[in-house]
C-alpha atoms as a PDB file:
ATOM      1  CA  UNK A   1      96.566-159.004-148.200  1.00  0.00           C
ATOM      2  CA  UNK A   2      96.983-155.247-148.563  1.00  0.00           C
ATOM      3  CA  UNK A   3      96.409-151.942-146.831  1.00  0.00           C
ATOM      4  CA  UNK A   4      96.009-148.495-148.307  1.00  0.00           C
ATOM      5  CA  UNK A   5      98.708-146.451-146.589  1.00  0.00           C
ATOM      6  CA  UNK A   6      99.991-142.902-146.800  1.00  0.00           C
ATOM      7  CA  UNK A   7     103.253-141.908-145.160  1.00  0.00           C
ATOM      8  CA  UNK A   8     103.668-138.285-144.118  1.00  0.00           C
ATOM      9  CA  UNK A   9     106.818-136.171-144.037  1.00  0.00           C
ATOM     10  CA  UNK A  10     106.805-136.229-140.239  1.00  0.00           C
ATOM     11  CA  UNK A  11     106.600-140.042-140.126  1.00  0.00           C
ATOM     12  CA  UNK A  12     109.600-140.303-142.446  1.00  0.00           C
ATOM     13  CA  UNK A  13     111.544-137.692-140.474  1.00  0.00           C
ATOM     14  CA  UNK A  14     110.896-139.487-137.175  1.00  0.00           C
ATOM     15  CA  UNK A  15     111.745-142.884-138.666  1.00  0.00           C
ATOM     16  CA  UNK A  16     115.033-141.540-140.010  1.00  0.00           C
ATOM     17  CA  UNK A  17     115.843-140.013-136.635  1.00  0.00           C
ATOM     18  CA  UNK A  18     115.188-143.357-134.893  1.00  0.00           C
ATOM     19  CA  UNK A  19     117.323-145.309-137.388  1.00  0.00           C
ATOM     20  CA  UNK A  20     119.988-142.588-137.827  1.00  0.00           C
ATOM     21  CA  UNK A  21     119.355-142.349-141.563  1.00  0.00           C
ATOM     22  CA  UNK A  22     120.726-139.057-142.899  1.00  0.00           C
ATOM     23  CA  UNK A  23     120.214-139.716-146.605  1.00  0.00           C
ATOM     24  CA  UNK A  24     119.052-136.351-148.020  1.00  0.00           C
ATOM     25  CA  UNK A  25     116.398-137.960-150.236  1.00  0.00           C
ATOM     26  CA  UNK A  26     114.406-138.536-147.018  1.00  0.00           C
ATOM     27  CA  UNK A  27     114.820-134.910-145.851  1.00  0.00           C
ATOM     28  CA  UNK A  28     111.720-132.757-146.573  1.00  0.00           C
ATOM     29  CA  UNK A  29     113.661-129.475-146.531  1.00  0.00           C
ATOM     30  CA  UNK A  30     116.315-130.696-148.969  1.00  0.00           C
ATOM     31  CA  UNK A  31     113.868-132.396-151.334  1.00  0.00           C
ATOM     32  CA  UNK A  32     111.418-129.484-151.369  1.00  0.00           C
ATOM     33  CA  UNK A  33     114.273-127.193-152.335  1.00  0.00           C
ATOM     34  CA  UNK A  34     114.814-129.523-155.298  1.00  0.00           C
ATOM     35  CA  UNK A  35     111.075-129.373-156.110  1.00  0.00           C
ATOM     36  CA  UNK A  36     110.958-133.120-155.443  1.00  0.00           C
ATOM     37  CA  UNK A  37     108.884-135.394-153.270  1.00  0.00           C
ATOM     38  CA  UNK A  38     110.291-136.928-150.108  1.00  0.00           C
ATOM     39  CA  UNK A  39     111.336-140.563-150.580  1.00  0.00           C
ATOM     40  CA  UNK A  40     109.938-143.043-148.064  1.00  0.00           C
ATOM     41  CA  UNK A  41     112.755-145.255-146.687  1.00  0.00           C
ATOM     42  CA  UNK A  42     112.651-148.784-148.032  1.00  0.00           C
ATOM     43  CA  UNK A  43     113.153-150.126-144.513  1.00  0.00           C
ATOM     44  CA  UNK A  44     110.042-148.281-143.297  1.00  0.00           C
ATOM     45  CA  UNK A  45     107.969-149.870-146.058  1.00  0.00           C
ATOM     46  CA  UNK A  46     109.554-153.300-145.513  1.00  0.00           C
ATOM     47  CA  UNK A  47     109.088-153.265-141.730  1.00  0.00           C
ATOM     48  CA  UNK A  48     105.455-152.183-142.013  1.00  0.00           C
ATOM     49  CA  UNK A  49     104.682-154.988-144.486  1.00  0.00           C
ATOM     50  CA  UNK A  50     106.465-157.649-142.431  1.00  0.00           C
ATOM     51  CA  UNK A  51     104.548-156.649-139.308  1.00  0.00           C
ATOM     52  CA  UNK A  52     101.332-157.006-141.312  1.00  0.00           C
ATOM     53  CA  UNK A  53     102.467-160.385-142.668  1.00  0.00           C
ATOM     54  CA  UNK A  54     103.204-161.754-139.200  1.00  0.00           C
ATOM     55  CA  UNK A  55      99.919-160.474-137.765  1.00  0.00           C
ATOM     56  CA  UNK A  56      97.931-162.163-140.522  1.00  0.00           C
ATOM     57  CA  UNK A  57      99.815-165.469-140.710  1.00  0.00           C
ATOM     58  CA  UNK A  58     101.245-165.858-137.181  1.00  0.00           C
ATOM     59  CA  UNK A  59     104.118-167.844-138.698  1.00  0.00           C
ATOM     60  CA  UNK A  60     107.875-167.695-138.312  1.00  0.00           C
ATOM     61  CA  UNK A  61     109.807-166.757-141.433  1.00  0.00           C
ATOM     62  CA  UNK A  62     113.581-166.970-141.608  1.00  0.00           C
ATOM     63  CA  UNK A  63     114.374-165.794-145.141  1.00  0.00           C
ATOM     64  CA  UNK A  64     113.715-162.416-146.702  1.00  0.00           C
ATOM     65  CA  UNK A  65     114.870-161.267-150.123  1.00  0.00           C
ATOM     66  CA  UNK A  66     114.258-157.657-151.042  1.00  0.00           C
ATOM     67  CA  UNK A  67     114.380-156.369-154.598  1.00  0.00           C
ATOM     68  CA  UNK A  68     114.558-152.585-154.838  1.00  0.00           C
ATOM     69  CA  UNK A  69     113.026-151.521-158.115  1.00  0.00           C
ATOM     70  CA  UNK A  70     111.936-147.940-157.612  1.00  0.00           C
ATOM     71  CA  UNK A  71     111.066-145.268-155.067  1.00  0.00           C
ATOM     72  CA  UNK A  72     107.848-144.147-153.369  1.00  0.00           C
ATOM     73  CA  UNK A  73     107.212-140.675-151.976  1.00  0.00           C
ATOM     74  CA  UNK A  74     105.346-139.300-148.986  1.00  0.00           C
ATOM     75  CA  UNK A  75     101.805-137.936-149.064  1.00  0.00           C
ATOM     76  CA  UNK A  76     100.600-140.324-151.756  1.00  0.00           C
ATOM     77  CA  UNK A  77      98.362-143.364-151.142  1.00  0.00           C
ATOM     78  CA  UNK A  78     100.022-146.697-151.849  1.00  0.00           C
ATOM     79  CA  UNK A  79      98.947-150.330-151.849  1.00  0.00           C
ATOM     80  CA  UNK A  80     101.116-151.958-149.200  1.00  0.00           C
ATOM     81  CA  UNK A  81     101.007-155.653-148.459  1.00  0.00           C
ATOM     82  CA  UNK A  82     101.826-159.207-149.461  1.00  0.00           C
ATOM     83  CA  UNK A  83     100.553-161.853-151.846  1.00  0.00           C
ATOM     84  CA  UNK A  84     100.704-165.516-150.847  1.00  0.00           C
ATOM     85  CA  UNK A  85     101.317-168.172-153.490  1.00  0.00           C
ATOM     86  CA  UNK A  86     102.062-171.546-151.950  1.00  0.00           C
ATOM     87  CA  UNK A  87     105.118-171.184-149.713  1.00  0.00           C
ATOM     88  CA  UNK A  88     105.998-167.808-151.221  1.00  0.00           C
ATOM     89  CA  UNK A  89     104.883-164.515-149.710  1.00  0.00           C
ATOM     90  CA  UNK A  90     105.581-161.705-152.142  1.00  0.00           C
ATOM     91  CA  UNK A  91     105.937-158.208-150.685  1.00  0.00           C
ATOM     92  CA  UNK A  92     104.804-155.127-152.560  1.00  0.00           C
ATOM     93  CA  UNK A  93     104.391-151.366-152.191  1.00  0.00           C
ATOM     94  CA  UNK A  94     102.610-149.995-155.238  1.00  0.00           C
ATOM     95  CA  UNK A  95     101.765-146.545-156.491  1.00  0.00           C
ATOM     96  CA  UNK A  96     101.792-146.928-160.248  1.00  0.00           C
ATOM     97  CA  UNK A  97     104.932-149.049-159.840  1.00  0.00           C
ATOM     98  CA  UNK A  98     106.101-151.575-157.274  1.00  0.00           C
ATOM     99  CA  UNK A  99     108.903-150.487-154.975  1.00  0.00           C
ATOM    100  CA  UNK A 100     109.800-154.144-154.291  1.00  0.00           C
ATOM    101  CA  UNK A 101     110.034-155.697-157.734  1.00  0.00           C
ATOM    102  CA  UNK A 102     111.716-155.453-161.110  1.00  0.00           C
ATOM    103  CA  UNK A 103     110.700-156.908-164.459  1.00  0.00           C
ATOM    104  CA  UNK A 104     112.486-160.134-163.539  1.00  0.00           C
ATOM    105  CA  UNK A 105     112.070-160.630-159.788  1.00  0.00           C
ATOM    106  CA  UNK A 106     109.833-159.907-156.788  1.00  0.00           C
ATOM    107  CA  UNK A 107     110.639-159.490-153.118  1.00  0.00           C
ATOM    108  CA  UNK A 108     109.797-162.646-151.211  1.00  0.00           C
ATOM    109  CA  UNK A 109     109.556-164.040-147.677  1.00  0.00           C
ATOM    110  CA  UNK A 110     109.989-167.766-146.963  1.00  0.00           C
ATOM    111  CA  UNK A 111     110.253-170.144-144.018  1.00  0.00           C
ATOM    112  CA  UNK A 112     112.450-173.155-143.314  1.00  0.00           C
ATOM    113  CA  UNK A 113     115.291-171.920-145.512  1.00  0.00           C
ATOM    114  CA  UNK A 114     118.773-173.087-144.577  1.00  0.00           C
ATOM    115  CA  UNK A 115     120.925-170.220-143.354  1.00  0.00           C
ATOM    116  CA  UNK A 116     123.819-169.090-145.473  1.00  0.00           C
ATOM    117  CA  UNK A 117     127.275-169.480-143.938  1.00  0.00           C
ATOM    118  CA  UNK A 118     128.980-166.092-144.199  1.00  0.00           C
ATOM    119  CA  UNK A 119     132.574-165.160-143.566  1.00  0.00           C
ATOM    120  CA  UNK A 120     133.010-163.445-140.204  1.00  0.00           C
ATOM    121  CA  UNK A 121     136.310-161.814-141.074  1.00  0.00           C
ATOM    122  CA  UNK A 122     134.828-158.354-141.543  1.00  0.00           C
ATOM    123  CA  UNK A 123     135.194-155.267-139.365  1.00  0.00           C
ATOM    124  CA  UNK A 124     132.833-154.891-136.412  1.00  0.00           C
ATOM    125  CA  UNK A 125     131.003-151.565-136.223  1.00  0.00           C
ATOM    126  CA  UNK A 126     129.316-150.979-132.873  1.00  0.00           C
ATOM    127  CA  UNK A 127     126.114-148.929-133.037  1.00  0.00           C
ATOM    128  CA  UNK A 128     124.703-147.618-129.750  1.00  0.00           C
ATOM    129  CA  UNK A 129     120.934-147.347-129.387  1.00  0.00           C
ATOM    130  CA  UNK A 130     118.459-146.049-126.825  1.00  0.00           C
ATOM    131  CA  UNK A 131     114.981-146.984-125.684  1.00  0.00           C
ATOM    132  CA  UNK A 132     113.369-144.027-127.441  1.00  0.00           C
ATOM    133  CA  UNK A 133     114.647-145.265-130.816  1.00  0.00           C
ATOM    134  CA  UNK A 134     113.023-148.672-130.302  1.00  0.00           C
ATOM    135  CA  UNK A 135     109.755-147.131-129.104  1.00  0.00           C
ATOM    136  CA  UNK A 136     109.565-144.772-132.077  1.00  0.00           C
ATOM    137  CA  UNK A 137     110.357-147.578-134.493  1.00  0.00           C
ATOM    138  CA  UNK A 138     107.634-149.833-133.041  1.00  0.00           C
ATOM    139  CA  UNK A 139     105.051-147.079-133.214  1.00  0.00           C
ATOM    140  CA  UNK A 140     105.830-146.040-136.789  1.00  0.00           C
ATOM    141  CA  UNK A 141     105.871-149.603-138.163  1.00  0.00           C
ATOM    142  CA  UNK A 142     102.665-150.705-136.374  1.00  0.00           C
ATOM    143  CA  UNK A 143     104.465-153.414-134.454  1.00  0.00           C
ATOM    144  CA  UNK A 144     102.686-155.435-131.771  1.00  0.00           C
ATOM    145  CA  UNK A 145     105.468-157.987-131.274  1.00  0.00           C
ATOM    146  CA  UNK A 146     108.622-156.646-129.617  1.00  0.00           C
ATOM    147  CA  UNK A 147     110.807-159.582-130.672  1.00  0.00           C
ATOM    148  CA  UNK A 148     109.873-159.128-134.320  1.00  0.00           C
ATOM    149  CA  UNK A 149     110.219-155.366-133.993  1.00  0.00           C
ATOM    150  CA  UNK A 150     113.719-155.715-132.518  1.00  0.00           C
ATOM    151  CA  UNK A 151     114.707-157.929-135.462  1.00  0.00           C
ATOM    152  CA  UNK A 152     113.354-155.390-137.956  1.00  0.00           C
ATOM    153  CA  UNK A 153     114.997-152.493-136.118  1.00  0.00           C
ATOM    154  CA  UNK A 154     118.400-154.155-136.345  1.00  0.00           C
ATOM    155  CA  UNK A 155     117.914-154.494-140.105  1.00  0.00           C
ATOM    156  CA  UNK A 156     116.931-150.846-140.523  1.00  0.00           C
ATOM    157  CA  UNK A 157     119.814-149.749-138.282  1.00  0.00           C
ATOM    158  CA  UNK A 158     122.296-151.739-140.374  1.00  0.00           C
ATOM    159  CA  UNK A 159     122.210-149.015-143.037  1.00  0.00           C
ATOM    160  CA  UNK A 160     123.736-146.556-140.567  1.00  0.00           C
ATOM    161  CA  UNK A 161     126.445-149.119-139.774  1.00  0.00           C
ATOM    162  CA  UNK A 162     127.188-149.643-143.477  1.00  0.00           C
ATOM    163  CA  UNK A 163     127.550-145.917-144.081  1.00  0.00           C
ATOM    164  CA  UNK A 164     129.696-145.589-140.980  1.00  0.00           C
ATOM    165  CA  UNK A 165     132.019-148.160-142.548  1.00  0.00           C
ATOM    166  CA  UNK A 166     132.102-146.179-145.786  1.00  0.00           C
ATOM    167  CA  UNK A 167     132.687-142.832-144.074  1.00  0.00           C
ATOM    168  CA  UNK A 168     135.352-144.235-141.760  1.00  0.00           C
ATOM    169  CA  UNK A 169     137.031-146.788-144.067  1.00  0.00           C
ATOM    170  CA  UNK A 170     139.520-149.346-142.806  1.00  0.00           C
ATOM    171  CA  UNK A 171     139.857-151.914-145.575  1.00  0.00           C
ATOM    172  CA  UNK A 172     141.011-151.338-149.148  1.00  0.00           C
ATOM    173  CA  UNK A 173     137.516-151.894-150.553  1.00  0.00           C
ATOM    174  CA  UNK A 174     135.925-149.548-148.014  1.00  0.00           C
ATOM    175  CA  UNK A 175     138.461-146.893-148.976  1.00  0.00           C
ATOM    176  CA  UNK A 176     137.629-147.412-152.654  1.00  0.00           C
ATOM    177  CA  UNK A 177     133.902-146.974-151.961  1.00  0.00           C
ATOM    178  CA  UNK A 178     134.609-143.902-149.825  1.00  0.00           C
ATOM    179  CA  UNK A 179     136.527-142.258-152.673  1.00  0.00           C
ATOM    180  CA  UNK A 180     133.738-143.122-155.087  1.00  0.00           C
ATOM    181  CA  UNK A 181     130.960-141.636-152.937  1.00  0.00           C
ATOM    182  CA  UNK A 182     132.809-138.732-151.311  1.00  0.00           C
ATOM    183  CA  UNK A 183     131.473-135.597-153.000  1.00  0.00           C
ATOM    184  CA  UNK A 184     134.606-133.613-152.115  1.00  0.00           C
ATOM    185  CA  UNK A 185     136.806-136.138-153.928  1.00  0.00           C
ATOM    186  CA  UNK A 186     134.663-137.470-156.773  1.00  0.00           C
ATOM    187  CA  UNK A 187     133.017-134.786-158.907  1.00  0.00           C
ATOM    188  CA  UNK A 188     130.764-137.319-160.641  1.00  0.00           C
ATOM    189  CA  UNK A 189     128.206-137.056-157.818  1.00  0.00           C
ATOM    190  CA  UNK A 190     127.161-140.682-157.287  1.00  0.00           C
ATOM    191  CA  UNK A 191     125.329-142.264-154.370  1.00  0.00           C
ATOM    192  CA  UNK A 192     124.883-145.849-153.133  1.00  0.00           C
ATOM    193  CA  UNK A 193     121.637-147.609-154.032  1.00  0.00           C
ATOM    194  CA  UNK A 194     120.541-151.005-152.721  1.00  0.00           C
ATOM    195  CA  UNK A 195     119.716-153.395-155.545  1.00  0.00           C
ATOM    196  CA  UNK A 196     119.046-156.492-153.459  1.00  0.00           C
ATOM    197  CA  UNK A 197     119.142-157.547-149.818  1.00  0.00           C
ATOM    198  CA  UNK A 198     119.002-161.140-148.564  1.00  0.00           C
ATOM    199  CA  UNK A 199     118.360-161.724-144.857  1.00  0.00           C
ATOM    200  CA  UNK A 200     118.739-165.030-143.027  1.00  0.00           C
ATOM    201  CA  UNK A 201     117.106-164.771-139.598  1.00  0.00           C
ATOM    202  CA  UNK A 202     119.057-166.926-137.177  1.00  0.00           C
ATOM    203  CA  UNK A 203     117.287-166.634-133.829  1.00  0.00           C
ATOM    204  CA  UNK A 204     113.544-166.013-133.577  1.00  0.00           C
ATOM    205  CA  UNK A 205     113.769-165.382-129.828  1.00  0.00           C
ATOM    206  CA  UNK A 206     116.606-162.838-129.806  1.00  0.00           C
ATOM    207  CA  UNK A 207     115.603-159.506-128.251  1.00  0.00           C
ATOM    208  CA  UNK A 208     117.339-156.205-127.686  1.00  0.00           C
ATOM    209  CA  UNK A 209     117.910-154.671-124.289  1.00  0.00           C
ATOM    210  CA  UNK A 210     116.140-151.353-123.732  1.00  0.00           C
ATOM    211  CA  UNK A 211     119.457-149.728-124.595  1.00  0.00           C
ATOM    212  CA  UNK A 212     122.957-150.826-125.434  1.00  0.00           C
ATOM    213  CA  UNK A 213     125.014-151.595-128.512  1.00  0.00           C
ATOM    214  CA  UNK A 214     124.395-153.605-131.671  1.00  0.00           C
ATOM    215  CA  UNK A 215     127.482-155.061-133.313  1.00  0.00           C
ATOM    216  CA  UNK A 216     127.556-155.337-137.094  1.00  0.00           C
ATOM    217  CA  UNK A 217     130.327-157.466-138.573  1.00  0.00           C
ATOM    218  CA  UNK A 218     130.690-155.959-142.056  1.00  0.00           C
ATOM    219  CA  UNK A 219     132.731-157.184-144.974  1.00  0.00           C
ATOM    220  CA  UNK A 220     132.695-155.337-148.295  1.00  0.00           C
ATOM    221  CA  UNK A 221     133.759-157.129-151.481  1.00  0.00           C
ATOM    222  CA  UNK A 222     134.255-155.575-154.874  1.00  0.00           C
ATOM    223  CA  UNK A 223     132.097-156.974-157.667  1.00  0.00           C
ATOM    224  CA  UNK A 224     132.935-154.320-160.264  1.00  0.00           C
ATOM    225  CA  UNK A 225     135.307-151.499-159.360  1.00  0.00           C
ATOM    226  CA  UNK A 226     133.620-148.112-158.946  1.00  0.00           C
ATOM    227  CA  UNK A 227     130.236-149.638-159.733  1.00  0.00           C
ATOM    228  CA  UNK A 228     128.913-152.610-157.741  1.00  0.00           C
ATOM    229  CA  UNK A 229     129.836-154.045-154.337  1.00  0.00           C
ATOM    230  CA  UNK A 230     128.684-156.853-152.061  1.00  0.00           C
ATOM    231  CA  UNK A 231     128.363-156.332-148.297  1.00  0.00           C
ATOM    232  CA  UNK A 232     128.086-159.278-145.921  1.00  0.00           C
ATOM    233  CA  UNK A 233     126.634-158.264-142.562  1.00  0.00           C
ATOM    234  CA  UNK A 234     126.225-160.319-139.402  1.00  0.00           C
ATOM    235  CA  UNK A 235     124.211-158.700-136.611  1.00  0.00           C
ATOM    236  CA  UNK A 236     125.023-159.482-132.956  1.00  0.00           C
ATOM    237  CA  UNK A 237     123.744-158.259-129.596  1.00  0.00           C
ATOM    238  CA  UNK A 238     124.425-159.747-126.150  1.00  0.00           C
ATOM    239  CA  UNK A 239     126.394-162.550-127.838  1.00  0.00           C
ATOM    240  CA  UNK A 240     123.298-163.543-129.795  1.00  0.00           C
ATOM    241  CA  UNK A 241     123.185-163.573-133.587  1.00  0.00           C
ATOM    242  CA  UNK A 242     120.012-161.927-134.895  1.00  0.00           C
ATOM    243  CA  UNK A 243     120.625-162.487-138.585  1.00  0.00           C
ATOM    244  CA  UNK A 244     123.117-162.646-141.428  1.00  0.00           C
ATOM    245  CA  UNK A 245     122.579-160.668-144.600  1.00  0.00           C
ATOM    246  CA  UNK A 246     123.988-159.969-148.033  1.00  0.00           C
ATOM    247  CA  UNK A 247     123.599-156.593-149.743  1.00  0.00           C
ATOM    248  CA  UNK A 248     124.255-155.774-153.371  1.00  0.00           C
ATOM    249  CA  UNK A 249     124.960-152.076-153.739  1.00  0.00           C
ATOM    250  CA  UNK A 250     125.393-150.101-156.927  1.00  0.00           C
ATOM    251  CA  UNK A 251     126.752-146.585-157.390  1.00  0.00           C
ATOM    252  CA  UNK A 252     124.163-144.489-159.217  1.00  0.00           C
ATOM    253  CA  UNK A 253     124.539-140.885-160.411  1.00  0.00           C
ATOM    254  CA  UNK A 254     122.630-138.474-158.180  1.00  0.00           C
ATOM    255  CA  UNK A 255     120.855-137.035-161.227  1.00  0.00           C
ATOM    256  CA  UNK A 256     119.466-140.464-162.076  1.00  0.00           C
ATOM    257  CA  UNK A 257     118.213-140.998-158.527  1.00  0.00           C
ATOM    258  CA  UNK A 258     116.491-137.615-158.566  1.00  0.00           C
ATOM    259  CA  UNK A 259     114.846-138.437-161.896  1.00  0.00           C
ATOM    260  CA  UNK A 260     113.281-141.472-160.224  1.00  0.00           C
ATOM    261  CA  UNK A 261     111.583-139.180-157.689  1.00  0.00           C
ATOM    262  CA  UNK A 262     108.319-137.442-158.557  1.00  0.00           C
ATOM    263  CA  UNK A 263     108.243-133.671-158.881  1.00  0.00           C
ATOM    264  CA  UNK A 264     106.232-132.034-156.120  1.00  0.00           C
ATOM    265  CA  UNK A 265     103.761-130.385-158.473  1.00  0.00           C
ATOM    266  CA  UNK A 266     102.963-133.754-160.063  1.00  0.00           C
ATOM    267  CA  UNK A 267     101.751-135.266-156.817  1.00  0.00           C
END
């Protein structure tokens, strides 16, 4: 099942404002100055597909694995949707290449998967949110189900919590990542890039208040120093666990990231 979709600069800007995403690759002014297209946030693409999946299947899924293979820019039509093969629902966002796959693996959504038991000995980062953020998020991701939308919002908002942990490090590993990514300290100019994200949805009925605070218990572990890291994240609100997740992040040179993005004059 697919839709032809085109995301505009204003949609991306409003989505980033709602999810507090300040990555410059999503900023039209910055990217235009680089003669590059504006990158559509992976969480915007993911949330839009999952809303479509739930509308078409009306089923409850508790496991999501995202594979980030490339980038997609604004103002270009893309094939956005899912492909069902047995119990597997493969997500895709294609414009010449698939945002959600690599040569070896595809992003998938499953049901009835046993939750992973994660360590809860991380640092809790509290992220305040307001009603307008939730409303904007629901509108931009075509959500008709507030419970599902709240779940997806907490996933998108987790990126801001992860970068808060990196910018305000407490643990040894967080400090190491901060030094690696801090442009004033490290002249190599590298940025974090999600390689994979696994999400185990814990409570299908958990909802957010109209405003309040989301608590993210975050633990970073080093896989390879100055290169790859694992982040375990547990999301809580009103003493309810929304989900647990595992990120694999890799430090990529900024020049390489920019080479992945289309030049503006190439459409």
